[in-house]
Amino acid sequence: MASGTQSIETTAVVVGGGPAGMMTGYLLARAGIDVVVLEKHADFLRDFRGDTVHPSTLDVIDELGLLQDFLKLPHQEISSAGADIEGEKLRLADFTHLPTACKFVALTPQWHFLDFLAREGAKFSSFHLLMHTEGLDLRRDGERVIGVRAQGPAGPLEVTADLVIATDGRHSSMRAAAGFAVKELGAPIDVLWFRLNDDESTHHEVLGRISSGQILVMLDRGDYWQCALVIAKGSADRVKAQGIEAFRRRVAALAGRSSADEIASLDDVKLLTVKVDRLERWCAPGLIIIGDAAHAMSPVGGVGINLAIQDAVATANILSAPLRRRALDLDHLERVRRRRLFPTRATQALQITIQNRLIAPVLEGGGRLAVPWPLRLLQHLPILQRLPARIIGMGFRPEHVRADAASL
């Protein structure tokens, strides 16, 4: 170890303090396992992140006994989802019949959610959150990963652990350090994120607006709308080159408003480069990769956080006992991958189908869109709205928290 380098020994180190990382850290600490979570930023306050907390994730929070406190956080509740296609309002999903504790999608600023998990995790003596500490590289002993090299506020840090859990997102440093190949599945779209002020004339149930070959997604955040303009892949510079006035006119027309002057400049418009990819190999001795680091999801359905949380629950359920016994081996890690690979593949396959067969043709066509017959059918037979609600709200293979993980 270099002079001046600090060192920590723990049972598990989680690299990345997003939803997957914070939930994994919380669940392991709850199971009596000493865990260190590394988060490279000094706080969780970053805008234009995924803020949807789906019913199956709310079930996890309920199973942890935290639901009532969670629902005290600032949030909005979406009990149904709709679209406005060429001025015709359609209801596409009805969450009110789901077999879940909460029959709605909660829109909660992600920083509130992560702060909440940090506060709850801090109640366990085995939970250690290190902010402003970035995982840089893996530490190895031969073929086995034995920890992480990191950079913290006080300088270099070496963490020794039985297990490294990489949850550091779609640009994962740990994934790169492991040398795992990424399978790119493709995405024909990108997204421009921005805010609009609340407008009482705007229909609050509608999430998607499609008109003249353009798509705008609007999420009701109470006193403002979080908006996503869906654009063709790689066209962000061309859109921005048209200038702020053209952008305001485009958004106002799509949103059905007189103006969008609250977008002060194009600096207020943030690009999300959409990626859909996954690892076929998620683990090595002493290392497992989950969440966005293992499978970047499209924003279609807003299910990325839900998949990450479900990964975290499966990871804790399967690995807590062998970690406590200090008997973790590669087969335990492979069990996590095998369990979570089906919902990952199924969700991505559905997202890719929607991107390629529905969204891309709208953006390429440029003209008025006739309402597709399956959406017409949902209006004539409202009971069918429960199917998309179940896929969006619960996903494929929702996970459940083991009642008393520490005793298993």
Protein backbone atom coordinates (compact mmCIF):
# COMPACT_ATOMS: atom_id res chain seq x y z
CA MET A 1 0.00 0.00 0.00
CA ALA A 2 1.30 3.45 -0.93
CA SER A 3 2.22 5.86 1.85
CA GLY A 4 -0.77 7.99 2.85
CA THR A 5 -3.30 5.49 1.57
CA GLN A 6 -6.09 4.71 3.99
CA SER A 7 -7.45 1.19 4.35
CA ILE A 8 -10.76 -0.37 5.37
CA GLU A 9 -11.73 -3.99 5.88
CA THR A 10 -15.35 -5.06 5.54
CA THR A 11 -17.44 -8.03 4.44
CA ALA A 12 -19.03 -6.38 1.39
CA VAL A 13 -18.29 -3.17 -0.46
CA VAL A 14 -20.91 -1.65 -2.76
CA VAL A 15 -19.56 0.69 -5.44
CA GLY A 16 -22.20 3.24 -6.44
CA GLY A 17 -24.88 4.90 -4.32
CA GLY A 18 -27.80 4.82 -6.74
CA PRO A 19 -31.02 2.87 -6.13
CA ALA A 20 -29.41 -0.55 -6.60
CA GLY A 21 -26.41 0.30 -4.44
CA MET A 22 -28.27 1.96 -1.60
CA MET A 23 -30.92 -0.76 -1.43
CA THR A 24 -28.26 -3.49 -1.52
CA GLY A 25 -26.33 -1.78 1.25
CA TYR A 26 -29.46 -1.37 3.36
CA LEU A 27 -30.55 -4.99 2.91
CA LEU A 28 -27.14 -6.44 3.71
CA ALA A 29 -26.80 -4.28 6.82
CA ARG A 30 -30.31 -5.36 7.84
CA ALA A 31 -29.08 -8.95 7.53
CA GLY A 32 -26.25 -8.23 9.96
CA ILE A 33 -23.50 -7.99 7.35
CA ASP A 34 -20.87 -5.29 7.58
CA VAL A 35 -21.15 -3.29 4.37
CA VAL A 36 -19.48 -0.16 2.98
CA VAL A 37 -21.23 1.84 0.25
CA LEU A 38 -19.07 4.15 -1.89
CA GLU A 39 -20.78 7.11 -3.60
CA LYS A 40 -18.60 9.34 -5.73
CA HIS A 41 -20.72 12.49 -5.36
CA ALA A 42 -20.88 14.62 -2.23
CA ASP A 43 -24.69 14.39 -2.18
CA PHE A 44 -27.57 12.78 -4.08
CA LEU A 45 -28.91 16.04 -5.49
CA ARG A 46 -28.85 15.60 -9.26
CA ASP A 47 -31.74 16.48 -11.54
CA PHE A 48 -33.22 14.60 -14.50
CA ARG A 49 -32.78 11.18 -12.95
CA GLY A 50 -35.37 8.44 -12.99
CA ASP A 51 -37.92 9.26 -10.30
CA THR A 52 -40.53 6.55 -10.80
CA VAL A 53 -41.01 4.13 -7.91
CA HIS A 54 -43.18 1.29 -9.16
CA PRO A 55 -45.72 -0.79 -7.21
CA SER A 56 -43.39 -3.80 -6.91
CA THR A 57 -40.68 -1.54 -5.46
CA LEU A 58 -43.26 -0.07 -3.08
CA ASP A 59 -44.02 -3.66 -2.06
CA VAL A 60 -40.34 -4.11 -1.17
CA ILE A 61 -40.42 -0.94 0.90
CA ASP A 62 -43.61 -2.18 2.59
CA GLU A 63 -42.04 -5.57 3.36
CA LEU A 64 -39.21 -3.69 5.08
CA GLY A 65 -41.72 -1.87 7.29
CA LEU A 66 -40.77 1.49 5.78
CA LEU A 67 -43.75 2.29 3.57
CA GLN A 68 -45.55 4.76 5.80
CA ASP A 69 -42.39 6.78 6.33
CA PHE A 70 -41.55 6.60 2.62
CA LEU A 71 -44.96 7.96 1.65
CA LYS A 72 -44.28 11.01 3.80
CA LEU A 73 -41.63 12.04 1.27
CA PRO A 74 -42.70 14.51 -1.42
CA HIS A 75 -44.34 12.46 -4.16
CA GLN A 76 -47.17 12.24 -6.66
CA GLU A 77 -49.24 9.12 -7.27
CA ILE A 78 -50.12 7.89 -10.76
CA SER A 79 -52.97 5.38 -10.70
CA SER A 80 -53.34 5.26 -14.47
CA ALA A 81 -51.30 6.14 -17.53
CA GLY A 82 -52.52 7.62 -20.74
CA ALA A 83 -51.51 9.18 -24.01
CA ASP A 84 -52.70 11.99 -26.23
CA ILE A 85 -52.37 10.90 -29.86
CA GLU A 86 -53.11 13.67 -32.33
CA GLY A 87 -55.44 15.30 -29.81
CA GLU A 88 -57.30 12.12 -28.84
CA LYS A 89 -56.91 11.16 -25.17
CA LEU A 90 -56.46 7.46 -24.45
CA ARG A 91 -56.03 5.47 -21.24
CA LEU A 92 -53.42 2.75 -21.62
CA ALA A 93 -52.78 1.29 -18.15
CA ASP A 94 -54.86 1.04 -14.98
CA PHE A 95 -52.79 0.32 -11.84
CA THR A 96 -55.75 0.28 -9.43
CA HIS A 97 -56.28 -3.49 -9.74
CA LEU A 98 -52.70 -4.62 -9.10
CA PRO A 99 -52.21 -7.17 -6.29
CA THR A 100 -49.79 -4.83 -4.53
CA ALA A 101 -49.75 -2.73 -1.35
CA CYS A 102 -49.81 0.48 -3.41
CA LYS A 103 -51.86 0.54 -6.58
CA PHE A 104 -50.01 3.43 -8.14
CA VAL A 105 -46.62 4.54 -9.40
CA ALA A 106 -45.00 7.04 -7.03
CA LEU A 107 -43.08 9.92 -8.56
CA THR A 108 -40.47 10.75 -5.95
CA PRO A 109 -37.36 12.84 -6.59
CA GLN A 110 -34.57 10.31 -6.54
CA TRP A 111 -32.47 12.32 -4.13
CA HIS A 112 -35.27 12.03 -1.55
CA PHE A 113 -35.42 8.26 -2.08
CA LEU A 114 -31.66 7.84 -1.72
CA ASP A 115 -31.49 10.13 1.32
CA PHE A 116 -34.29 8.07 2.83
CA LEU A 117 -32.37 4.82 2.35
CA ALA A 118 -29.23 6.44 3.75
CA ARG A 119 -31.07 7.57 6.91
CA GLU A 120 -32.66 4.16 7.39
CA GLY A 121 -29.39 2.36 6.72
CA ALA A 122 -27.57 4.51 9.27
CA LYS A 123 -29.76 2.91 11.98
CA PHE A 124 -27.71 -0.27 11.53
CA SER A 125 -24.22 -0.28 13.02
CA SER A 126 -23.07 -2.46 10.11
CA PHE A 127 -24.00 0.15 7.46
CA HIS A 128 -21.26 2.57 6.38
CA LEU A 129 -21.87 5.15 3.64
CA LEU A 130 -18.83 7.02 2.32
CA MET A 131 -19.84 10.02 0.24
CA HIS A 132 -17.53 11.80 -2.20
CA THR A 133 -15.64 8.51 -2.52
CA GLU A 134 -15.20 7.08 -6.01
CA GLY A 135 -14.36 3.47 -6.75
CA LEU A 136 -11.57 3.51 -9.33
CA ASP A 137 -10.29 -0.02 -9.75
CA LEU A 138 -10.56 -3.56 -8.47
CA ARG A 139 -8.04 -5.11 -6.12
CA ARG A 140 -7.08 -8.71 -6.89
CA ASP A 141 -5.28 -11.64 -5.39
CA GLY A 142 -4.64 -13.83 -8.40
CA GLU A 143 -7.99 -14.51 -10.09
CA ARG A 144 -10.02 -13.40 -7.08
CA VAL A 145 -11.28 -9.86 -6.51
CA ILE A 146 -10.49 -8.87 -2.91
CA GLY A 147 -11.63 -5.25 -2.81
CA VAL A 148 -11.57 -1.82 -4.39
CA ARG A 149 -9.16 1.04 -4.88
CA ALA A 150 -10.95 4.32 -4.35
CA GLN A 151 -10.38 8.05 -3.99
CA GLY A 152 -12.02 9.81 -1.07
CA PRO A 153 -11.98 13.30 0.44
CA ALA A 154 -8.84 12.45 2.43
CA GLY A 155 -7.02 10.83 -0.49
CA PRO A 156 -6.47 7.28 -1.75
CA LEU A 157 -8.42 4.50 -0.07
CA GLU A 158 -8.10 0.72 -0.29
CA VAL A 159 -11.07 -1.39 0.72
CA THR A 160 -10.62 -5.09 1.43
CA ALA A 161 -13.80 -7.15 1.25
CA ASP A 162 -15.09 -10.68 0.72
CA LEU A 163 -17.37 -9.32 -2.00
CA VAL A 164 -17.42 -6.30 -4.31
CA ILE A 165 -20.89 -5.40 -5.58
CA ALA A 166 -20.68 -3.04 -8.55
CA THR A 167 -23.73 -0.80 -8.92
CA ASP A 168 -21.98 2.18 -10.51
CA GLY A 169 -24.25 2.64 -13.50
CA ARG A 170 -24.13 2.24 -17.25
CA HIS A 171 -20.62 3.73 -17.43
CA SER A 172 -19.36 1.41 -14.70
CA SER A 173 -15.67 1.68 -13.79
CA MET A 174 -15.88 -1.68 -12.03
CA ARG A 175 -17.30 -3.35 -15.14
CA ALA A 176 -14.47 -1.91 -17.21
CA ALA A 177 -11.90 -3.01 -14.63
CA ALA A 178 -13.33 -6.53 -14.69
CA GLY A 179 -13.05 -6.61 -18.49
CA PHE A 180 -16.57 -7.96 -18.96
CA ALA A 181 -17.89 -7.67 -22.51
CA VAL A 182 -21.03 -5.60 -23.05
CA LYS A 183 -23.69 -6.80 -25.49
CA GLU A 184 -25.14 -3.73 -27.22
CA LEU A 185 -28.80 -4.20 -28.12
CA GLY A 186 -29.31 -0.83 -29.78
CA ALA A 187 -31.62 2.13 -29.34
CA PRO A 188 -32.92 4.35 -32.17
CA ILE A 189 -33.78 7.21 -29.83
CA ASP A 190 -32.32 9.75 -27.44
CA VAL A 191 -34.16 11.97 -24.96
CA LEU A 192 -33.94 15.68 -24.14
CA TRP A 193 -34.95 16.37 -20.51
CA PHE A 194 -36.28 19.71 -19.26
CA ARG A 195 -38.94 21.26 -17.02
CA LEU A 196 -42.15 23.10 -17.69
CA ASN A 197 -44.17 25.02 -15.14
CA ASP A 198 -47.47 23.52 -14.09
CA ASP A 199 -50.41 24.63 -16.21
CA GLU A 200 -53.96 23.99 -15.03
CA SER A 201 -55.05 23.49 -18.64
CA THR A 202 -52.76 20.46 -19.01
CA HIS A 203 -54.41 17.05 -18.66
CA HIS A 204 -52.63 15.48 -15.68
CA GLU A 205 -53.31 11.83 -16.47
CA VAL A 206 -51.64 12.03 -19.86
CA LEU A 207 -48.02 10.92 -19.86
CA GLY A 208 -47.26 10.75 -23.57
CA ARG A 209 -48.16 13.23 -26.31
CA ILE A 210 -47.75 12.24 -29.95
CA SER A 211 -48.36 14.70 -32.76
CA SER A 212 -47.02 15.14 -36.30
CA GLY A 213 -44.17 12.69 -35.88
CA GLN A 214 -43.08 14.02 -32.48
CA ILE A 215 -43.25 12.50 -28.98
CA LEU A 216 -43.26 14.34 -25.67
CA VAL A 217 -43.46 12.57 -22.29
CA MET A 218 -44.71 14.64 -19.34
CA LEU A 219 -44.45 13.54 -15.70
CA ASP A 220 -46.53 15.47 -13.20
CA ARG A 221 -44.25 16.64 -10.36
CA GLY A 222 -46.82 18.76 -8.53
CA ASP A 223 -45.66 22.30 -9.18
CA TYR A 224 -43.86 21.47 -12.44
CA TRP A 225 -43.72 18.93 -15.25
CA GLN A 226 -40.63 16.85 -15.87
CA CYS A 227 -40.57 16.48 -19.64
CA ALA A 228 -38.77 14.30 -22.13
CA LEU A 229 -38.71 15.12 -25.81
CA VAL A 230 -37.99 11.89 -27.66
CA ILE A 231 -35.71 12.44 -30.65
CA ALA A 232 -33.97 10.28 -33.23
CA LYS A 233 -30.63 8.85 -32.12
CA GLY A 234 -27.80 11.32 -32.58
CA SER A 235 -30.01 14.27 -33.54
CA ALA A 236 -29.59 16.35 -30.36
CA ASP A 237 -27.06 18.75 -31.88
CA ARG A 238 -29.31 19.31 -34.88
CA VAL A 239 -32.30 20.04 -32.65
CA LYS A 240 -30.32 22.46 -30.51
CA ALA A 241 -28.80 24.15 -33.58
CA GLN A 242 -32.31 25.37 -34.48
CA GLY A 243 -32.15 27.64 -31.41
CA ILE A 244 -34.08 28.19 -28.23
CA GLU A 245 -37.06 29.92 -29.86
CA ALA A 246 -37.68 27.02 -32.24
CA PHE A 247 -37.35 24.60 -29.36
CA ARG A 248 -39.86 26.55 -27.24
CA ARG A 249 -42.36 26.64 -30.10
CA ARG A 250 -41.97 22.93 -30.70
CA VAL A 251 -42.49 22.06 -27.04
CA ALA A 252 -45.41 24.45 -26.57
CA ALA A 253 -47.23 22.97 -29.57
CA LEU A 254 -46.69 19.42 -28.36
CA ALA A 255 -47.73 20.24 -24.79
CA GLY A 256 -50.82 22.14 -25.92
CA ARG A 257 -49.69 25.39 -24.29
CA SER A 258 -49.44 28.96 -25.46
CA SER A 259 -45.71 29.13 -24.75
CA ALA A 260 -42.75 27.41 -23.13
CA ASP A 261 -40.85 30.56 -22.21
CA GLU A 262 -39.84 29.11 -18.83
CA ILE A 263 -37.12 27.19 -20.70
CA ALA A 264 -34.61 29.99 -20.27
CA SER A 265 -31.94 28.60 -22.55
CA LEU A 266 -30.78 25.37 -24.14
CA ASP A 267 -28.53 24.93 -21.11
CA ASP A 268 -31.74 23.92 -19.31
CA VAL A 269 -32.19 21.04 -21.77
CA LYS A 270 -30.20 17.92 -20.83
CA LEU A 271 -29.39 15.07 -23.17
CA LEU A 272 -29.97 11.48 -22.10
CA THR A 273 -28.18 9.21 -24.56
CA VAL A 274 -30.34 6.11 -24.58
CA LYS A 275 -28.55 2.77 -24.35
CA VAL A 276 -29.89 -0.73 -24.13
CA ASP A 277 -27.21 -3.28 -23.29
CA ARG A 278 -26.40 -6.07 -20.88
CA LEU A 279 -23.63 -8.27 -19.66
CA GLU A 280 -23.84 -11.99 -20.31
CA ARG A 281 -21.25 -12.45 -17.56
CA TRP A 282 -22.13 -10.66 -14.31
CA CYS A 283 -19.67 -12.11 -11.84
CA ALA A 284 -16.20 -13.39 -11.04
CA PRO A 285 -14.76 -14.72 -7.78
CA GLY A 286 -15.34 -11.93 -5.24
CA LEU A 287 -17.29 -9.68 -7.67
CA ILE A 288 -20.87 -9.27 -8.86
CA ILE A 289 -22.30 -6.55 -11.09
CA ILE A 290 -26.00 -5.62 -10.88
CA GLY A 291 -28.39 -2.80 -11.79
CA ASP A 292 -27.61 -0.46 -14.68
CA ALA A 293 -23.99 -1.61 -14.61
CA ALA A 294 -25.20 -5.07 -15.65
CA HIS A 295 -28.08 -3.98 -17.89
CA ALA A 296 -28.71 -0.47 -19.17
CA MET A 297 -32.43 -0.06 -19.80
CA SER A 298 -34.34 2.15 -22.20
CA PRO A 299 -36.50 4.85 -20.58
CA VAL A 300 -39.54 3.12 -22.15
CA GLY A 301 -41.88 2.33 -19.25
CA GLY A 302 -39.60 4.03 -16.74
CA VAL A 303 -38.71 0.63 -15.28
CA GLY A 304 -34.95 0.99 -14.84
CA ILE A 305 -35.12 1.78 -11.12
CA ASN A 306 -37.53 -1.08 -10.56
CA LEU A 307 -35.18 -3.58 -12.24
CA ALA A 308 -32.26 -2.25 -10.18
CA ILE A 309 -34.17 -2.58 -6.91
CA GLN A 310 -35.29 -6.11 -7.78
CA ASP A 311 -31.64 -6.99 -8.49
CA ALA A 312 -30.71 -5.66 -5.06
CA VAL A 313 -33.37 -7.74 -3.31
CA ALA A 314 -32.33 -10.93 -5.11
CA THR A 315 -28.68 -10.23 -4.32
CA ALA A 316 -29.37 -9.82 -0.60
CA ASN A 317 -31.73 -12.79 -0.46
CA ILE A 318 -29.25 -15.16 -2.08
CA LEU A 319 -25.94 -13.88 -0.73
CA SER A 320 -26.67 -12.84 2.88
CA ALA A 321 -26.33 -16.31 4.41
CA PRO A 322 -23.07 -17.31 2.69
CA LEU A 323 -21.61 -13.88 3.43
CA ARG A 324 -22.39 -14.29 7.12
CA ARG A 325 -20.75 -17.73 7.10
CA ARG A 326 -17.77 -16.33 5.16
CA ALA A 327 -18.47 -19.15 2.71
CA LEU A 328 -19.34 -17.20 -0.45
CA ASP A 329 -18.34 -18.86 -3.71
CA LEU A 330 -18.87 -18.23 -7.41
CA ASP A 331 -21.92 -20.47 -7.57
CA HIS A 332 -23.77 -18.18 -5.14
CA LEU A 333 -23.02 -15.22 -7.40
CA GLU A 334 -24.12 -17.14 -10.48
CA ARG A 335 -27.44 -17.88 -8.76
CA VAL A 336 -28.12 -14.14 -8.65
CA ARG A 337 -27.32 -13.77 -12.34
CA ARG A 338 -29.46 -16.73 -13.32
CA ARG A 339 -32.41 -15.44 -11.34
CA ARG A 340 -32.25 -11.90 -12.71
CA LEU A 341 -31.32 -12.67 -16.31
CA PHE A 342 -34.84 -13.67 -17.40
CA PRO A 343 -36.56 -10.45 -16.22
CA THR A 344 -33.71 -8.44 -17.74
CA ARG A 345 -33.99 -10.13 -21.13
CA ALA A 346 -37.80 -10.04 -21.14
CA THR A 347 -37.95 -6.35 -20.23
CA GLN A 348 -35.32 -5.35 -22.77
CA ALA A 349 -36.99 -7.40 -25.49
CA LEU A 350 -40.26 -5.58 -24.85
CA GLN A 351 -38.53 -2.18 -24.76
CA ILE A 352 -36.71 -2.87 -28.03
CA THR A 353 -39.95 -3.93 -29.71
CA ILE A 354 -41.67 -0.72 -28.61
CA GLN A 355 -38.68 1.40 -29.66
CA ASN A 356 -38.28 -0.18 -33.08
CA ARG A 357 -41.89 -0.83 -34.07
CA LEU A 358 -43.74 2.06 -32.45
CA ILE A 359 -41.48 4.96 -31.49
CA ALA A 360 -38.96 4.97 -34.36
CA PRO A 361 -41.64 4.82 -37.10
CA VAL A 362 -43.42 7.80 -35.50
CA LEU A 363 -40.21 9.86 -35.49
CA GLU A 364 -39.32 8.81 -39.04
CA GLY A 365 -42.81 9.26 -40.48
CA GLY A 366 -43.30 12.89 -39.55
CA GLY A 367 -47.01 12.93 -40.41
CA ARG A 368 -50.21 12.47 -38.45
CA LEU A 369 -50.52 9.12 -36.72
CA ALA A 370 -53.65 7.01 -36.71
CA VAL A 371 -54.37 5.43 -33.33
CA PRO A 372 -53.13 1.80 -33.56
CA TRP A 373 -55.86 -0.82 -33.20
CA PRO A 374 -54.43 -2.38 -29.98
CA LEU A 375 -54.82 1.01 -28.27
CA ARG A 376 -58.35 1.26 -29.59
CA LEU A 377 -59.06 -2.16 -28.09
CA LEU A 378 -57.85 -0.96 -24.68
CA GLN A 379 -60.49 1.77 -24.81
CA HIS A 380 -63.31 -0.60 -25.77
CA LEU A 381 -62.30 -3.26 -23.20
CA PRO A 382 -60.90 -1.36 -20.19
CA ILE A 383 -60.18 -4.62 -18.35
CA LEU A 384 -57.30 -5.13 -20.79
CA GLN A 385 -55.61 -2.02 -19.34
CA ARG A 386 -54.63 -4.21 -16.40
CA LEU A 387 -52.10 -6.13 -18.53
CA PRO A 388 -49.80 -3.20 -19.42
CA ALA A 389 -50.26 -1.97 -15.82
CA ARG A 390 -48.98 -5.29 -14.52
CA ILE A 391 -46.00 -5.35 -16.87
CA ILE A 392 -45.06 -1.75 -16.05
CA GLY A 393 -46.01 -1.76 -12.38
CA MET A 394 -44.71 -5.18 -11.32
CA GLY A 395 -42.41 -6.32 -14.10
CA PHE A 396 -41.23 -9.83 -14.79
CA ARG A 397 -40.42 -11.88 -11.69
CA PRO A 398 -40.84 -9.31 -8.89
CA GLU A 399 -38.71 -10.07 -5.84
CA HIS A 400 -39.79 -10.18 -2.20
CA VAL A 401 -37.74 -9.43 0.89
CA ARG A 402 -37.12 -12.38 3.16
CA ALA A 403 -38.91 -11.72 6.43
CA ASP A 404 -35.86 -12.08 8.68
CA ALA A 405 -32.78 -12.19 6.52
CA ALA A 406 -30.42 -12.19 9.52
CA SER A 407 -31.80 -15.53 10.74
CA LEU A 408 -31.66 -17.39 7.43
